[in-house]
Amino acid sequence: MRESPTPDIIELLRQKGAAVRYHDPYVPVIRHNGFEMAGETDLDAALAAADCAVVVTDHSSYDWGAIKAQVRLIVDTRHAVR
């Protein structure tokens, strides 16, 4: 995860009371500040359950159009969704 802001974003959202889930085909588990979280294996199910999707990486393996069609709100920090 090198210099990814993802662990910090997850931590901040959780501190605010958000129920956070994540999907990343390259990172099955996130460990940060003593906290460990396993990634979602089913992207469609995770999106269907989400109130908001936060895009922190712009992996080319994602179908951004399909993601956009599945969620009500997207916070896109990478300008991946058009």
Foldseek 3Di string as FASTA:
>chain_A
DVPFCVVVVVVVCVVVPDDDAADDPVDQWDADPNDIDGHDPDPLVVLQPDQEAEARDQDPPDPLVVSVVRYDYYHYPPPNHD
